[in-house]
Protein backbone atom coordinates (compact mmCIF):
# COMPACT_ATOMS: atom_id res chain seq x y z
CA MET A 1 33.96 102.43 161.94
CA ALA A 2 33.01 100.11 159.12
CA ALA A 3 30.79 97.12 159.78
CA HIS A 4 32.74 94.71 157.57
CA LYS A 5 36.43 93.98 157.13
CA ILE A 6 38.18 92.51 154.10
CA LEU A 7 41.74 91.31 154.60
CA VAL A 8 44.04 91.17 151.56
CA ILE A 9 47.19 89.15 152.22
CA ASP A 10 49.64 89.63 149.36
CA ASP A 11 53.31 90.58 149.22
CA SER A 12 52.64 92.77 146.18
CA LYS A 13 51.55 96.31 147.05
CA VAL A 14 50.24 96.59 143.47
CA ILE A 15 47.86 93.64 143.97
CA ARG A 16 46.69 94.95 147.35
CA MET A 17 45.97 98.37 145.83
CA ARG A 18 44.35 96.84 142.75
CA VAL A 19 41.99 94.75 144.89
CA GLN A 20 41.12 97.83 146.95
CA ASP A 21 40.38 99.79 143.76
CA MET A 22 38.19 96.98 142.37
CA LEU A 23 36.02 96.65 145.45
CA PRO A 24 32.91 98.81 145.51
CA THR A 25 32.88 101.63 148.01
CA GLY A 26 30.78 100.75 151.00
CA ASN A 27 30.59 100.08 154.67
CA PHE A 28 33.80 98.05 155.02
CA ASP A 29 37.46 98.45 155.81
CA ILE A 30 40.21 96.92 153.74
CA LEU A 31 43.03 95.54 155.84
CA GLU A 32 46.36 94.70 154.22
CA ALA A 33 49.12 92.26 155.10
CA LYS A 34 52.36 91.91 153.15
CA ASP A 35 53.34 88.45 154.45
CA GLY A 36 51.80 85.35 155.97
CA VAL A 37 52.82 86.06 159.56
CA GLN A 38 51.29 89.53 159.50
CA GLY A 39 48.22 88.15 157.70
CA LEU A 40 47.61 85.40 160.25
CA GLN A 41 47.97 87.91 163.09
CA LEU A 42 45.43 90.25 161.46
CA ILE A 43 43.03 87.34 160.93
CA ARG A 44 43.17 86.51 164.62
CA ASP A 45 43.08 90.13 165.83
CA GLU A 46 40.48 91.55 163.43
CA MET A 47 38.30 88.52 162.50
CA PRO A 48 37.63 89.83 158.97
CA ASN A 49 34.45 89.04 157.04
CA LEU A 50 36.47 87.96 153.99
CA ILE A 51 40.08 86.86 153.47
CA MET A 52 41.92 87.16 150.17
CA LEU A 53 45.07 85.05 150.45
CA ASP A 54 48.01 84.90 148.05
CA PHE A 55 49.58 81.44 147.98
CA LEU A 56 53.22 82.56 147.65
CA LEU A 57 54.16 84.79 150.55
CA PRO A 58 57.31 85.63 152.50
CA LYS A 59 57.84 84.61 156.15
CA MET A 60 54.90 82.18 156.12
CA ASN A 61 53.51 80.97 152.80
CA GLY A 62 49.85 80.91 151.89
CA TRP A 63 49.65 77.13 152.31
CA ASP A 64 50.73 77.44 155.96
CA VAL A 65 48.30 80.31 156.57
CA PHE A 66 45.55 78.22 154.95
CA GLN A 67 46.33 75.29 157.27
CA HIS A 68 46.16 77.56 160.34
CA ILE A 69 42.81 78.92 159.15
CA GLN A 70 41.38 75.44 158.55
CA ALA A 71 42.60 74.15 161.93
CA ASP A 72 40.59 76.78 163.83
CA PRO A 73 36.80 76.39 163.40
CA SER A 74 36.17 80.07 164.13
CA LEU A 75 38.58 81.07 161.34
CA ALA A 76 37.54 78.32 158.91
CA ALA A 77 34.05 79.85 158.80
CA ILE A 78 35.40 83.07 157.21
CA PRO A 79 34.89 83.23 153.42
CA LEU A 80 38.24 82.74 151.68
CA VAL A 81 39.51 83.61 148.21
CA VAL A 82 42.90 82.07 147.39
CA MET A 83 44.91 83.98 144.77
CA SER A 84 47.89 82.86 142.74
CA GLY A 85 49.55 83.59 139.44
CA ARG A 86 49.92 79.83 138.90
CA LYS A 87 46.96 77.60 139.68
CA GLU A 88 49.18 74.50 139.77
CA GLU A 89 50.85 75.87 142.93
CA VAL A 90 47.49 75.63 144.66
CA THR A 91 46.27 72.37 143.12
CA GLU A 92 49.56 70.72 144.07
CA LYS A 93 48.56 71.13 147.75
CA LEU A 94 44.77 71.33 147.46
CA PRO A 95 43.15 69.21 144.74
CA GLU A 96 40.10 70.50 142.91
CA PRO A 97 37.22 70.92 143.29
CA PHE A 98 37.84 73.54 145.94
CA GLU A 99 35.10 72.83 148.43
CA TYR A 100 35.56 75.46 151.13
CA PHE A 101 37.22 78.37 149.35
CA GLU A 102 37.27 80.05 145.96
CA PHE A 103 40.32 80.35 143.73
CA ILE A 104 41.16 83.26 141.44
CA GLU A 105 44.14 83.35 139.12
CA LYS A 106 46.21 86.53 138.92
CA PRO A 107 45.95 88.83 137.08
CA PHE A 108 42.17 89.17 137.33
CA GLU A 109 39.54 91.70 136.35
CA LYS A 110 36.92 93.32 138.56
CA ALA A 111 34.10 91.04 137.37
CA GLU A 112 36.21 87.94 138.12
CA LEU A 113 37.00 89.27 141.59
CA MET A 114 33.34 89.96 142.35
CA GLU A 115 32.36 86.45 141.20
CA ALA A 116 35.13 84.88 143.31
CA ILE A 117 33.99 86.80 146.39
CA LYS A 118 30.35 85.76 145.86
CA ALA A 119 31.40 82.13 145.37
CA ALA A 120 33.59 82.20 148.50
CA MET A 121 30.72 83.57 150.56
CA MET A 122 28.38 80.88 149.23
CA LYS A 123 30.91 78.13 150.01
CA ALA A 124 31.38 79.51 153.53
CA ARG A 125 27.61 79.54 154.10
CA ASN A 126 27.26 75.96 152.85
CA ARG A 127 30.18 74.66 154.87
CA PRO A 128 29.15 72.27 157.62
CA HIS A 129 29.64 73.75 161.07
CA VAL A 130 32.70 72.33 162.80
CA SER A 131 32.72 72.60 166.56
CA ALA A 132 35.88 73.46 168.40
CA ALA A 133 37.81 70.71 170.09
CA PRO A 134 37.33 70.55 173.84
CA THR A 135 39.90 72.50 175.79
CA ASN A 136 40.15 69.75 178.41
CA PRO A 137 41.83 66.75 176.75
CA ASN A 138 40.24 64.39 179.29
CA LEU A 139 36.72 65.67 178.62
CA GLY A 140 34.53 62.76 177.63
CA VAL A 141 37.18 60.20 178.56
CA GLY A 142 36.73 58.18 181.73
CA ALA A 143 39.39 57.94 184.44
CA GLU A 144 39.68 54.20 183.74
CA GLU A 145 40.51 54.87 180.09
CA VAL A 146 43.14 57.45 181.03
CA ALA A 147 44.69 55.04 183.54
CA ALA A 148 44.72 52.25 180.93
CA LEU A 149 46.39 54.54 178.39
CA ASN A 150 48.98 55.66 180.94
CA ALA A 151 49.73 52.03 181.79
CA ARG A 152 50.14 51.26 178.09
CA VAL A 153 52.54 54.21 177.69
CA ASP A 154 54.58 52.96 180.65
CA SER A 155 54.70 49.47 179.14
CA LEU A 156 55.81 50.82 175.75
CA GLU A 157 58.51 52.94 177.39
CA GLN A 158 59.85 49.85 179.15
CA GLU A 159 59.86 47.92 175.86
CA VAL A 160 61.79 50.74 174.17
CA ALA A 161 64.34 50.77 177.00
CA THR A 162 64.79 46.99 176.70
CA LEU A 163 65.21 47.22 172.92
CA LYS A 164 67.81 49.99 173.30
CA LYS A 165 69.75 47.84 175.77
CA GLN A 166 69.60 44.84 173.43
CA LEU A 167 70.72 46.96 170.48
CA ALA A 168 73.66 48.26 172.49
CA GLN A 169 74.63 44.67 173.31
CA VAL A 170 74.43 43.64 169.62
CA VAL A 171 76.53 46.66 168.55
CA GLY A 172 79.08 45.83 171.27
CA PHE A 173 79.23 42.19 170.11
CA ILE A 174 79.72 43.24 166.48
CA LYS A 175 82.47 45.71 167.42
CA GLN A 176 84.19 42.96 169.45
CA LYS A 177 84.10 40.53 166.50
CA LEU A 178 85.44 43.18 164.10
CA SER A 179 88.45 44.01 166.36
């Protein structure tokens, strides 16, 4: 079993094979996903050492996969290379400079791929550590604060109910005047 895993998420079999051919032989497995849903599942199941993500994918696009990765601190720490045939597709959602991932425009050559992987690994190493959110939503919040927030929610719900009743009365009045 290989020590390292590289996940290539691209709907093009040609690109997946090309990336595999460009990577040096070594102690790693290349995992492939043909759509965003499959890619995200493999990320969670396999925890690869590097992710290569196409931005235009079926089922779940690369932007959505990217957002899932960034939302999970354990996944956000994985070096990421975003690939696209049109850079403007990426910069439309993620303005440059790309701080936490590397971008490579398709088609690319082996030297460009190697540089993108090195840059992605450097960016991942330099990324500030983000701790996971507490699993208990009340952790760090006092009982008094929770009670105060609950009371405020109750108050707001009562206000909304009153406003709905008043709106219904206004609509009824207007309908009566129009008849």
